[in-house]
């Protein structure tokens, strides 16, 4: 018993000496203690909540000592002291910026370590509105932006709730550039999105940013209120009976209300009755169209590996190339029609079966058409012409099949590419111009007197197929009904019309994602 007490006293003294060395940043003194007690770091590590030498060094801003300790025991960086803080938390709270930067440089994952109330260092720098450290944290550990605290709040929730505008701008810039806009629609434990909080606090600038990021404008909180309802509730009934501060607050709520009206937001009373996950799962085939649409949207993103996607892209591009080449060089070739046709359509090369060499040989120039002396027609001319007419008639089904193939291949090419906003829209425009070039090619090679009918029919059929496949896979209800309509009144009417379908579509997507999480 006496030996155990003596041993405990020795360990306590060694820990005190080590703490003193850590606070002084004396690495030599630390190793002297380690020579006396080689197992002391292991014993400290086995404790659940303990203030390690790394905590002491980080709190005192002893950067070199902290890095040395983190190299020896990386687990110390994730240890919580009895107050629930990590070494990085203490360095932040003590304002040791250099130490903080070196710690996250050595181990970026320290940014995601949760301390008391499940707060991460990213949450803390958001609350103190430190844009410099916030941007460094996001670059060092991009996934940290998805961490939530004990109240279900992301860093964006905290920035808006505490009125940290600079931090909010940094976060919104990061979200915009990394295509993580879904974070803006996440709800905290109280059921509020970032837009709800911005409307409640009257942050006009934040509301402007959020509407530009195309967040869900009409999501309801547990009180069955949309952001527009919350802004309306914030407006005082009689501003004259309130202080100047209250009057300014009313002006902010009025501005928020105007912004939301302008982008087509709706009151809860204007929205149809919302459906729940129970409604979706208990009646799984209530709306097969939306269910299939959600299934395709999720499977196209999660179901295809990168190698599979690349293989499909190679095949579709080859088909597009072959079908376009097919209309430029159709089976049977092309030849210039008679002089009458040339006078009426000088630049048109009609697709007909070329005659035998014994009939006529044509020599062309820009100014005239010179006919060489032709020998007598062959005895089987009638039979040959009948075959030519028969083969020429095959041009029409060939053109239709080729146009449909081209349209489907172009649509599949677009579908297989990842959706990246403006870049993908530019690709869509390029494919539309390619479709126009295809149409012009059909016009140039189609037989006279029928090329306009064929061109119009085939082109419109191809465009309809292309638009149909594109709209069915890319412009999901979530996008088509709310995002790209420029007129607010029309946008509001359309969203009201599709509100139930939109919500149903999102629920179906959540269900389908479960397939890839098992």
Protein backbone atom coordinates (compact mmCIF):
# COMPACT_ATOMS: atom_id res chain seq x y z
CA UNK A 1 0.00 0.00 0.00
CA UNK A 2 2.80 2.37 0.92
CA UNK A 3 4.56 1.56 -2.36
CA UNK A 4 1.43 2.35 -4.34
CA UNK A 5 1.05 5.69 -2.61
CA UNK A 6 4.70 6.44 -3.25
CA UNK A 7 4.32 5.51 -6.92
CA UNK A 8 1.24 7.69 -7.26
CA UNK A 9 3.10 10.61 -5.71
CA UNK A 10 6.00 10.13 -8.15
CA UNK A 11 3.63 10.12 -11.12
CA UNK A 12 1.90 13.24 -9.84
CA UNK A 13 5.22 15.05 -9.52
CA UNK A 14 6.25 13.89 -13.01
CA UNK A 15 2.97 15.18 -14.47
CA UNK A 16 3.47 18.54 -12.75
CA UNK A 17 7.02 18.81 -14.11
CA UNK A 18 5.78 17.88 -17.57
CA UNK A 19 3.05 20.50 -17.39
CA UNK A 20 5.60 23.13 -16.36
CA UNK A 21 7.82 22.12 -19.28
CA UNK A 22 4.85 22.34 -21.64
CA UNK A 23 3.82 25.80 -20.49
CA UNK A 24 7.42 26.99 -20.79
CA UNK A 25 7.89 25.27 -24.13
CA UNK A 26 11.00 23.51 -22.78
CA UNK A 27 11.40 20.37 -24.89
CA UNK A 28 14.65 19.36 -23.14
CA UNK A 29 12.99 19.43 -19.71
CA UNK A 30 10.15 17.34 -21.11
CA UNK A 31 12.51 14.59 -22.27
CA UNK A 32 14.26 14.59 -18.89
CA UNK A 33 10.93 13.80 -17.27
CA UNK A 34 10.33 11.16 -19.94
CA UNK A 35 13.67 9.52 -19.07
CA UNK A 36 12.55 9.17 -15.46
CA UNK A 37 9.02 7.99 -16.34
CA UNK A 38 8.99 6.36 -19.82
CA UNK A 39 5.37 5.19 -19.46
CA UNK A 40 3.90 8.47 -18.31
CA UNK A 41 2.46 9.42 -21.72
CA UNK A 42 0.76 6.05 -22.01
CA UNK A 43 -0.79 6.44 -18.56
CA UNK A 44 -2.06 9.91 -19.46
CA UNK A 45 -3.50 8.56 -22.72
CA UNK A 46 -5.48 5.88 -20.90
CA UNK A 47 -7.38 8.48 -18.90
CA UNK A 48 -10.78 9.47 -20.32
CA UNK A 49 -10.82 13.20 -19.55
CA UNK A 50 -7.44 14.70 -18.78
CA UNK A 51 -5.43 17.84 -19.39
CA UNK A 52 -2.50 16.57 -21.42
CA UNK A 53 0.82 18.36 -21.96
CA UNK A 54 -0.55 19.24 -25.40
CA UNK A 55 -3.43 21.11 -23.76
CA UNK A 56 -0.97 23.09 -21.65
CA UNK A 57 1.33 23.90 -24.58
CA UNK A 58 -1.52 24.90 -26.91
CA UNK A 59 -3.10 27.11 -24.26
CA UNK A 60 0.24 28.85 -23.62
CA UNK A 61 1.00 29.26 -27.32
CA UNK A 62 4.11 27.03 -27.25
CA UNK A 63 3.85 25.97 -30.87
CA UNK A 64 7.05 23.90 -31.19
CA UNK A 65 6.33 21.97 -28.01
CA UNK A 66 2.75 21.35 -29.14
CA UNK A 67 3.88 19.95 -32.50
CA UNK A 68 6.48 17.78 -30.74
CA UNK A 69 3.83 16.39 -28.41
CA UNK A 70 1.37 15.84 -31.28
CA UNK A 71 4.06 13.91 -33.14
CA UNK A 72 4.64 11.61 -30.17
CA UNK A 73 0.98 11.13 -29.27
CA UNK A 74 -1.44 12.11 -32.10
CA UNK A 75 -4.34 10.94 -29.93
CA UNK A 76 -3.70 13.84 -27.52
CA UNK A 77 -5.10 16.19 -30.17
CA UNK A 78 -8.51 14.54 -29.75
CA UNK A 79 -8.48 14.31 -25.96
CA UNK A 80 -10.96 16.39 -23.98
CA UNK A 81 -9.91 18.04 -20.74
CA UNK A 82 -12.26 17.96 -17.72
CA UNK A 83 -14.00 21.08 -19.07
CA UNK A 84 -14.69 19.38 -22.41
CA UNK A 85 -12.16 21.22 -24.60
CA UNK A 86 -9.53 19.93 -27.01
CA UNK A 87 -6.04 21.47 -27.32
CA UNK A 88 -7.16 23.27 -30.50
CA UNK A 89 -10.16 24.70 -28.64
CA UNK A 90 -7.90 26.09 -25.92
CA UNK A 91 -5.51 27.63 -28.44
CA UNK A 92 -8.45 29.35 -30.15
CA UNK A 93 -9.92 30.66 -26.92
CA UNK A 94 -6.55 32.01 -25.80
CA UNK A 95 -5.98 33.72 -29.15
CA UNK A 96 -2.91 31.64 -30.09
CA UNK A 97 -3.37 32.01 -33.84
CA UNK A 98 0.09 30.77 -34.87
CA UNK A 99 -0.32 27.67 -32.75
CA UNK A 100 -3.76 27.07 -34.24
CA UNK A 101 -2.47 27.32 -37.80
CA UNK A 102 0.42 24.94 -37.13
CA UNK A 103 -1.82 22.39 -35.41
CA UNK A 104 -4.28 22.22 -38.30
CA UNK A 105 -1.40 22.10 -40.76
CA UNK A 106 -0.02 19.07 -38.93
CA UNK A 107 -3.42 17.37 -38.58
CA UNK A 108 -6.35 18.99 -40.47
CA UNK A 109 -8.82 16.50 -39.00
CA UNK A 110 -8.51 18.26 -35.63
CA UNK A 111 -10.98 20.79 -37.07
CA UNK A 112 -13.71 18.13 -36.95
CA UNK A 113 -13.12 17.00 -33.36
CA UNK A 114 -16.24 17.71 -31.30
CA UNK A 115 -15.84 19.29 -27.89
CA UNK A 116 -18.55 20.18 -25.38
CA UNK A 117 -22.03 20.58 -26.88
CA UNK A 118 -20.64 18.87 -30.01
CA UNK A 119 -19.10 22.12 -31.15
CA UNK A 120 -16.15 21.96 -33.49
CA UNK A 121 -13.40 24.57 -33.87
CA UNK A 122 -15.14 25.61 -37.11
CA UNK A 123 -18.25 26.49 -35.11
CA UNK A 124 -16.18 28.56 -32.69
CA UNK A 125 -14.38 30.64 -35.35
CA UNK A 126 -17.79 31.23 -36.95
CA UNK A 127 -19.18 32.54 -33.67
CA UNK A 128 -16.24 34.92 -33.18
CA UNK A 129 -16.59 36.08 -36.83
CA UNK A 130 -12.95 35.34 -37.72
CA UNK A 131 -13.07 35.17 -41.51
CA UNK A 132 -9.33 34.52 -41.87
CA UNK A 133 -9.25 31.40 -39.71
CA UNK A 134 -12.63 30.30 -41.03
CA UNK A 135 -11.38 30.27 -44.61
CA UNK A 136 -8.22 28.39 -43.59
CA UNK A 137 -10.29 25.81 -41.72
CA UNK A 138 -12.55 25.26 -44.73
CA UNK A 139 -9.61 24.76 -47.06
CA UNK A 140 -7.82 22.44 -44.64
CA UNK A 141 -10.89 20.32 -43.85
CA UNK A 142 -13.73 20.83 -46.38
CA UNK A 143 -16.06 18.26 -44.80
CA UNK A 144 -16.13 20.16 -41.49
CA UNK A 145 -18.85 22.44 -42.86
CA UNK A 146 -21.33 19.56 -42.56
CA UNK A 147 -20.77 19.10 -38.82
CA UNK A 148 -23.66 20.03 -36.53
CA UNK A 149 -23.67 20.85 -32.83
CA UNK A 150 -25.91 19.44 -30.12
CA UNK A 151 -28.77 21.66 -31.33
CA UNK A 152 -28.45 20.44 -34.91
CA UNK A 153 -26.97 23.74 -36.10
CA UNK A 154 -24.39 23.99 -38.84
CA UNK A 155 -21.81 26.77 -38.97
CA UNK A 156 -24.18 28.65 -41.30
CA UNK A 157 -26.99 28.48 -38.72
CA UNK A 158 -24.64 29.86 -36.06
CA UNK A 159 -23.40 32.67 -38.29
CA UNK A 160 -26.93 33.85 -39.09
CA UNK A 161 -28.30 33.39 -35.57
CA UNK A 162 -25.44 35.44 -34.09
CA UNK A 163 -25.44 38.04 -36.87
CA UNK A 164 -21.89 37.21 -38.01
CA UNK A 165 -22.15 38.64 -41.52
CA UNK A 166 -18.49 38.25 -42.49
CA UNK A 167 -18.45 34.62 -41.40
CA UNK A 168 -21.71 34.04 -43.27
CA UNK A 169 -20.25 35.50 -46.48
CA UNK A 170 -17.20 33.25 -46.20
CA UNK A 171 -19.39 30.21 -45.62
CA UNK A 172 -21.83 31.04 -48.43
CA UNK A 173 -18.90 31.61 -50.80
CA UNK A 174 -17.48 28.21 -49.91
CA UNK A 175 -20.86 26.50 -50.27
CA UNK A 176 -21.45 28.12 -53.65
CA UNK A 177 -18.06 27.10 -55.00
CA UNK A 178 -18.19 23.53 -53.69
CA UNK A 179 -21.80 22.80 -54.75
CA UNK A 180 -22.98 22.10 -51.20
CA UNK A 181 -26.17 24.16 -51.43
CA UNK A 182 -28.22 21.43 -49.77
CA UNK A 183 -26.66 22.50 -46.44
CA UNK A 184 -28.62 25.75 -46.63
CA UNK A 185 -31.89 23.79 -46.49
CA UNK A 186 -30.91 21.71 -43.46
CA UNK A 187 -33.06 22.17 -40.37
CA UNK A 188 -31.81 22.47 -36.82
CA UNK A 189 -33.44 20.63 -33.92
CA UNK A 190 -36.12 23.31 -33.69
CA UNK A 191 -37.05 22.75 -37.35
CA UNK A 192 -35.66 26.07 -38.63
CA UNK A 193 -33.63 26.50 -41.79
CA UNK A 194 -31.09 29.26 -42.32
CA UNK A 195 -33.74 31.25 -44.21
CA UNK A 196 -36.16 30.96 -41.27
CA UNK A 197 -33.51 32.32 -38.90
CA UNK A 198 -32.58 35.15 -41.29
CA UNK A 199 -36.24 36.15 -41.62
CA UNK A 200 -36.71 35.99 -37.85
CA UNK A 201 -33.66 38.16 -37.14
CA UNK A 202 -34.39 40.59 -40.00
CA UNK A 203 -31.03 40.16 -41.72
CA UNK A 204 -31.78 41.70 -45.12
CA UNK A 205 -28.34 41.06 -46.61
CA UNK A 206 -28.43 37.40 -45.61
CA UNK A 207 -31.88 36.94 -47.15
CA UNK A 208 -30.61 38.42 -50.42
CA UNK A 209 -27.70 35.99 -50.49
CA UNK A 210 -29.92 33.02 -49.71
CA UNK A 211 -32.46 33.81 -52.42
CA UNK A 212 -29.62 34.04 -54.95
CA UNK A 213 -28.50 30.57 -53.88
CA UNK A 214 -32.00 29.28 -54.69
CA UNK A 215 -32.82 27.82 -51.30
CA UNK A 216 -36.23 26.31 -50.63
CA UNK A 217 -38.39 29.38 -50.04
CA UNK A 218 -41.53 27.65 -48.85
CA UNK A 219 -40.32 25.08 -46.34
CA UNK A 220 -42.37 25.15 -43.12
CA UNK A 221 -41.07 25.14 -39.56
CA UNK A 222 -42.77 23.14 -36.76
CA UNK A 223 -45.16 26.07 -36.26
CA UNK A 224 -46.30 25.58 -39.86
CA UNK A 225 -44.81 28.91 -40.92
CA UNK A 226 -42.74 29.77 -43.96
CA UNK A 227 -40.05 32.45 -44.05
CA UNK A 228 -42.62 34.89 -45.43
CA UNK A 229 -44.94 34.19 -42.48
CA UNK A 230 -42.07 34.77 -40.04
CA UNK A 231 -41.16 38.10 -41.66
CA UNK A 232 -44.80 39.19 -41.55
CA UNK A 233 -45.00 38.31 -37.84
CA UNK A 234 -41.95 40.45 -37.17
CA UNK A 235 -43.59 43.61 -38.49
CA UNK A 236 -45.10 45.64 -35.63
CA UNK A 237 -48.76 46.59 -35.97
CA UNK A 238 -48.12 50.25 -35.13
CA UNK A 239 -44.50 51.36 -35.53
CA UNK A 240 -45.29 54.85 -34.10
CA UNK A 241 -45.79 53.37 -30.65
CA UNK A 242 -42.36 51.80 -30.60
CA UNK A 243 -38.81 52.98 -30.14
CA UNK A 244 -36.45 53.97 -32.92
CA UNK A 245 -34.76 50.58 -32.62
CA UNK A 246 -38.09 48.85 -33.12
CA UNK A 247 -38.85 51.06 -36.11
CA UNK A 248 -35.53 50.09 -37.71
CA UNK A 249 -36.36 46.47 -37.02
CA UNK A 250 -39.72 46.90 -38.71
CA UNK A 251 -38.03 48.38 -41.77
CA UNK A 252 -35.76 45.35 -41.93
CA UNK A 253 -38.73 42.97 -41.74
CA UNK A 254 -40.52 44.94 -44.45
CA UNK A 255 -37.45 44.69 -46.68
CA UNK A 256 -37.20 40.97 -46.04
CA UNK A 257 -40.86 40.61 -46.92
CA UNK A 258 -40.39 42.54 -50.18
CA UNK A 259 -37.40 40.42 -51.17
CA UNK A 260 -39.29 37.21 -50.51
CA UNK A 261 -42.32 38.48 -52.43
CA UNK A 262 -40.10 39.42 -55.36
CA UNK A 263 -38.61 35.94 -55.66
CA UNK A 264 -42.02 34.31 -55.43
CA UNK A 265 -42.12 33.07 -51.83
CA UNK A 266 -45.50 32.09 -50.44
CA UNK A 267 -47.36 32.15 -47.15
CA UNK A 268 -48.17 28.86 -45.51
CA UNK A 269 -51.87 29.42 -46.20
CA UNK A 270 -51.14 29.58 -49.95
CA UNK A 271 -49.43 26.20 -49.99
CA UNK A 272 -51.27 22.91 -50.37
CA UNK A 273 -51.32 20.41 -47.56
CA UNK A 274 -47.90 18.85 -47.18
CA UNK A 275 -47.34 15.11 -47.21
CA UNK A 276 -45.22 13.14 -44.76
CA UNK A 277 -42.83 10.23 -45.08
CA UNK A 278 -45.60 8.01 -43.73
CA UNK A 279 -47.80 9.03 -46.66
CA UNK A 280 -45.03 8.17 -49.10
CA UNK A 281 -44.13 4.78 -47.63
CA UNK A 282 -47.64 3.55 -46.93
CA UNK A 283 -48.81 4.32 -50.47
CA UNK A 284 -45.61 3.70 -52.46
CA UNK A 285 -47.25 3.79 -55.89
CA UNK A 286 -49.50 6.77 -55.33
CA UNK A 287 -47.52 8.74 -57.90
CA UNK A 288 -45.33 6.44 -59.97
CA UNK A 289 -44.05 9.27 -62.14
CA UNK A 290 -42.40 11.12 -59.26
CA UNK A 291 -41.11 7.90 -57.74
CA UNK A 292 -39.44 6.93 -61.00
CA UNK A 293 -38.04 10.43 -61.42
CA UNK A 294 -36.46 10.38 -57.94
CA UNK A 295 -35.12 6.89 -58.57
CA UNK A 296 -33.43 8.01 -61.78
CA UNK A 297 -32.00 11.14 -60.16
CA UNK A 298 -30.40 9.18 -57.31
CA UNK A 299 -29.27 6.19 -59.36
CA UNK A 300 -27.65 8.38 -62.01
CA UNK A 301 -25.54 10.00 -59.30
CA UNK A 302 -24.91 7.07 -56.95
CA UNK A 303 -25.40 3.97 -59.09
CA UNK A 304 -22.76 4.63 -61.75
CA UNK A 305 -19.09 4.24 -60.91
CA UNK A 306 -16.60 6.55 -62.57
CA UNK A 307 -15.38 3.78 -64.88
CA UNK A 308 -18.92 2.88 -65.92
CA UNK A 309 -19.76 6.52 -66.60
CA UNK A 310 -16.64 6.96 -68.72
CA UNK A 311 -17.37 3.81 -70.70
CA UNK A 312 -20.93 4.95 -71.43
CA UNK A 313 -19.67 8.38 -72.47
CA UNK A 314 -17.23 6.84 -74.95
CA UNK A 315 -20.02 4.79 -76.53
CA UNK A 316 -22.50 7.68 -76.74
CA UNK A 317 -19.90 10.02 -78.25
CA UNK A 318 -19.08 7.39 -80.87
CA UNK A 319 -22.77 7.06 -81.73
CA UNK A 320 -23.16 10.84 -82.00
CA UNK A 321 -20.13 10.99 -84.30
CA UNK A 322 -21.31 8.09 -86.46
CA UNK A 323 -24.86 9.41 -86.81
CA UNK A 324 -23.65 12.91 -87.73
CA UNK A 325 -21.21 11.42 -90.25
CA UNK A 326 -24.05 9.32 -91.61
CA UNK A 327 -26.08 12.38 -92.55
CA UNK A 328 -23.03 14.08 -94.09
CA UNK A 329 -22.15 11.01 -96.20
CA UNK A 330 -25.39 9.06 -96.59
CA UNK A 331 -25.47 5.60 -98.17
CA UNK A 332 -25.61 5.92 -101.96
CA UNK A 333 -23.69 9.18 -102.07
CA UNK A 334 -24.84 12.41 -103.72
CA UNK A 335 -24.72 13.98 -107.14
CA UNK A 336 -25.75 17.23 -108.75
CA UNK A 337 -29.19 17.15 -110.37
CA UNK A 338 -30.01 18.43 -113.86
CA UNK A 339 -29.43 21.97 -115.11
CA UNK A 340 -32.96 23.09 -114.32
CA UNK A 341 -32.57 22.08 -110.70
CA UNK A 342 -29.18 23.76 -110.55
CA UNK A 343 -30.59 27.05 -111.82
CA UNK A 344 -33.30 26.98 -109.16
CA UNK A 345 -31.06 25.80 -106.35
CA UNK A 346 -27.43 26.40 -107.20
CA UNK A 347 -26.04 25.50 -103.83
CA UNK A 348 -28.10 22.37 -103.24
CA UNK A 349 -26.60 18.93 -103.65
CA UNK A 350 -29.51 16.54 -103.78
CA UNK A 351 -29.17 13.02 -102.51
CA UNK A 352 -30.04 10.62 -105.32
CA UNK A 353 -28.49 7.45 -106.54
CA UNK A 354 -25.59 8.29 -108.91
CA UNK A 355 -26.25 7.27 -112.52
CA UNK A 356 -24.06 4.80 -114.34
CA UNK A 357 -21.00 6.28 -115.99
CA UNK A 358 -22.42 5.48 -119.42
CA UNK A 359 -25.30 7.95 -119.12
CA UNK A 360 -23.85 11.37 -118.34
CA UNK A 361 -20.65 12.79 -116.97
CA UNK A 362 -21.04 16.20 -115.33
CA UNK A 363 -18.30 18.82 -115.06
CA UNK A 364 -18.90 21.65 -112.61
CA UNK A 365 -17.69 25.18 -112.28
CA UNK A 366 -19.01 28.23 -110.47
CA UNK A 367 -20.06 29.90 -113.75
CA UNK A 368 -21.41 27.07 -115.86
CA UNK A 369 -22.21 23.40 -116.13
CA UNK A 370 -20.60 21.72 -119.07
CA UNK A 371 -21.94 18.41 -120.24
CA UNK A 372 -19.55 16.04 -121.95
CA UNK A 373 -20.64 14.02 -124.93
CA UNK A 374 -22.49 11.01 -123.62
CA UNK A 375 -22.62 7.62 -125.29
CA UNK A 376 -25.89 5.95 -126.08
CA UNK A 377 -27.91 4.92 -123.02
CA UNK A 378 -27.66 1.28 -122.02
CA UNK A 379 -30.36 -1.20 -122.94
CA UNK A 380 -31.24 -1.81 -119.27
CA UNK A 381 -31.82 1.90 -118.47
CA UNK A 382 -35.44 1.35 -117.45
CA UNK A 383 -34.49 -1.36 -114.99
CA UNK A 384 -31.69 0.80 -113.59
CA UNK A 385 -33.95 3.80 -113.06
CA UNK A 386 -36.56 1.66 -111.30
CA UNK A 387 -33.84 0.46 -108.92
CA UNK A 388 -32.66 4.03 -108.38
CA UNK A 389 -36.16 5.20 -107.47
CA UNK A 390 -36.57 2.27 -105.12
CA UNK A 391 -33.27 2.95 -103.37
CA UNK A 392 -33.94 6.67 -103.21
CA UNK A 393 -37.12 5.98 -101.29
CA UNK A 394 -35.02 4.36 -98.53
CA UNK A 395 -33.51 7.77 -97.79
CA UNK A 396 -36.57 8.83 -95.81
CA UNK A 397 -36.57 6.02 -93.20
CA UNK A 398 -32.76 6.27 -93.02
CA UNK A 399 -32.98 9.97 -92.19
CA UNK A 400 -35.65 9.42 -89.54
CA UNK A 401 -33.78 6.57 -87.82
CA UNK A 402 -30.49 8.47 -88.00
CA UNK A 403 -32.06 11.63 -86.52
CA UNK A 404 -33.63 9.74 -83.63
CA UNK A 405 -30.31 7.98 -82.95
CA UNK A 406 -28.47 11.28 -82.98
CA UNK A 407 -30.97 12.92 -80.62
CA UNK A 408 -30.94 10.06 -78.12
CA UNK A 409 -27.14 9.88 -78.14
CA UNK A 410 -26.81 13.62 -77.57
CA UNK A 411 -29.29 13.43 -74.69
CA UNK A 412 -27.51 10.46 -73.11
CA UNK A 413 -24.18 12.27 -73.40
CA UNK A 414 -25.62 15.17 -71.45
CA UNK A 415 -27.24 12.89 -68.88
CA UNK A 416 -24.03 11.03 -68.11
CA UNK A 417 -22.05 14.17 -67.34
CA UNK A 418 -22.06 15.47 -63.73
CA UNK A 419 -24.36 18.45 -63.22
CA UNK A 420 -22.27 21.56 -62.53
CA UNK A 421 -24.51 24.56 -62.97
CA UNK A 422 -23.43 27.06 -65.62
CA UNK A 423 -20.78 24.77 -67.14
CA UNK A 424 -23.39 22.11 -67.82
CA UNK A 425 -25.78 24.69 -69.25
CA UNK A 426 -23.04 25.77 -71.68
CA UNK A 427 -22.65 22.16 -72.74
CA UNK A 428 -26.39 21.94 -73.31
CA UNK A 429 -26.24 25.07 -75.50
CA UNK A 430 -23.34 23.56 -77.46
CA UNK A 431 -25.35 20.40 -78.07
CA UNK A 432 -28.26 22.52 -79.27
CA UNK A 433 -25.99 24.24 -81.80
CA UNK A 434 -24.78 20.81 -82.87
CA UNK A 435 -28.42 19.86 -83.39
CA UNK A 436 -28.83 22.98 -85.53
CA UNK A 437 -25.81 22.01 -87.61
CA UNK A 438 -27.34 18.57 -88.07
CA UNK A 439 -30.56 20.19 -89.28
CA UNK A 440 -28.68 22.32 -91.81
CA UNK A 441 -26.84 19.25 -93.07
CA UNK A 442 -30.16 17.49 -93.65
CA UNK A 443 -31.36 20.53 -95.60
CA UNK A 444 -28.32 20.46 -97.85
CA UNK A 445 -28.44 16.75 -98.73
CA UNK A 446 -32.21 16.15 -98.86
CA UNK A 447 -33.82 15.55 -102.30
CA UNK A 448 -35.35 18.65 -103.99
CA UNK A 449 -38.98 19.58 -103.33
CA UNK A 450 -39.07 17.51 -100.14
CA UNK A 451 -36.12 18.65 -98.06
CA UNK A 452 -38.08 21.24 -96.08
CA UNK A 453 -40.68 18.70 -95.02
CA UNK A 454 -38.07 16.11 -94.13
CA UNK A 455 -35.82 18.62 -92.39
CA UNK A 456 -38.62 20.11 -90.33
CA UNK A 457 -40.10 16.76 -89.36
CA UNK A 458 -36.87 15.03 -88.44
CA UNK A 459 -35.38 18.04 -86.67
CA UNK A 460 -38.45 18.71 -84.58
CA UNK A 461 -38.76 15.03 -83.72
CA UNK A 462 -35.12 14.93 -82.69
CA UNK A 463 -35.40 18.13 -80.67
CA UNK A 464 -38.52 16.88 -78.90
CA UNK A 465 -36.78 13.66 -77.97
CA UNK A 466 -33.70 15.55 -76.82
CA UNK A 467 -35.71 18.02 -74.76
CA UNK A 468 -37.89 15.26 -73.36
CA UNK A 469 -35.02 13.14 -72.14
CA UNK A 470 -33.19 16.21 -70.87
CA UNK A 471 -36.24 17.51 -69.03
CA UNK A 472 -37.08 14.15 -67.55
CA UNK A 473 -33.64 13.56 -66.10
CA UNK A 474 -32.07 16.97 -65.52
CA UNK A 475 -34.88 19.44 -65.00
CA UNK A 476 -36.42 17.54 -62.13
CA UNK A 477 -39.46 19.09 -60.43
CA UNK A 478 -37.12 20.58 -57.86
CA UNK A 479 -35.42 22.64 -60.59
CA UNK A 480 -38.06 23.06 -63.26
CA UNK A 481 -40.77 24.46 -61.01
CA UNK A 482 -38.80 27.00 -59.03
CA UNK A 483 -35.38 27.91 -60.32
CA UNK A 484 -35.38 29.35 -63.81
CA UNK A 485 -38.70 31.20 -64.20
CA UNK A 486 -37.88 34.94 -64.45
CA UNK A 487 -41.33 36.39 -63.66
CA UNK A 488 -42.15 36.24 -59.95
CA UNK A 489 -45.92 35.84 -60.36
CA UNK A 490 -45.51 33.03 -62.87
CA UNK A 491 -42.87 31.41 -60.69
CA UNK A 492 -45.16 31.57 -57.66
CA UNK A 493 -48.07 30.09 -59.61
CA UNK A 494 -45.90 27.28 -60.95
CA UNK A 495 -44.43 26.47 -57.56
CA UNK A 496 -47.87 26.48 -55.98
CA UNK A 497 -49.00 24.09 -58.70
CA UNK A 498 -46.08 21.72 -58.14
CA UNK A 499 -45.57 22.22 -54.39
CA UNK A 500 -46.88 18.79 -53.42
CA UNK A 501 -44.92 17.10 -56.18
CA UNK A 502 -41.76 18.91 -55.11
CA UNK A 503 -42.06 17.74 -51.53
CA UNK A 504 -42.98 14.23 -52.63
CA UNK A 505 -39.96 14.17 -54.94
CA UNK A 506 -37.58 15.11 -52.11
CA UNK A 507 -39.00 12.45 -49.82
CA UNK A 508 -38.68 9.84 -52.56
CA UNK A 509 -35.03 10.83 -53.05
CA UNK A 510 -34.33 10.37 -49.35
CA UNK A 511 -35.89 6.93 -49.47
CA UNK A 512 -33.93 5.92 -52.56
CA UNK A 513 -30.64 7.08 -51.02
CA UNK A 514 -31.13 4.38 -48.40
CA UNK A 515 -30.22 1.80 -51.04
CA UNK A 516 -26.66 3.13 -51.16
CA UNK A 517 -26.22 3.53 -47.40
CA UNK A 518 -26.63 -0.13 -46.49
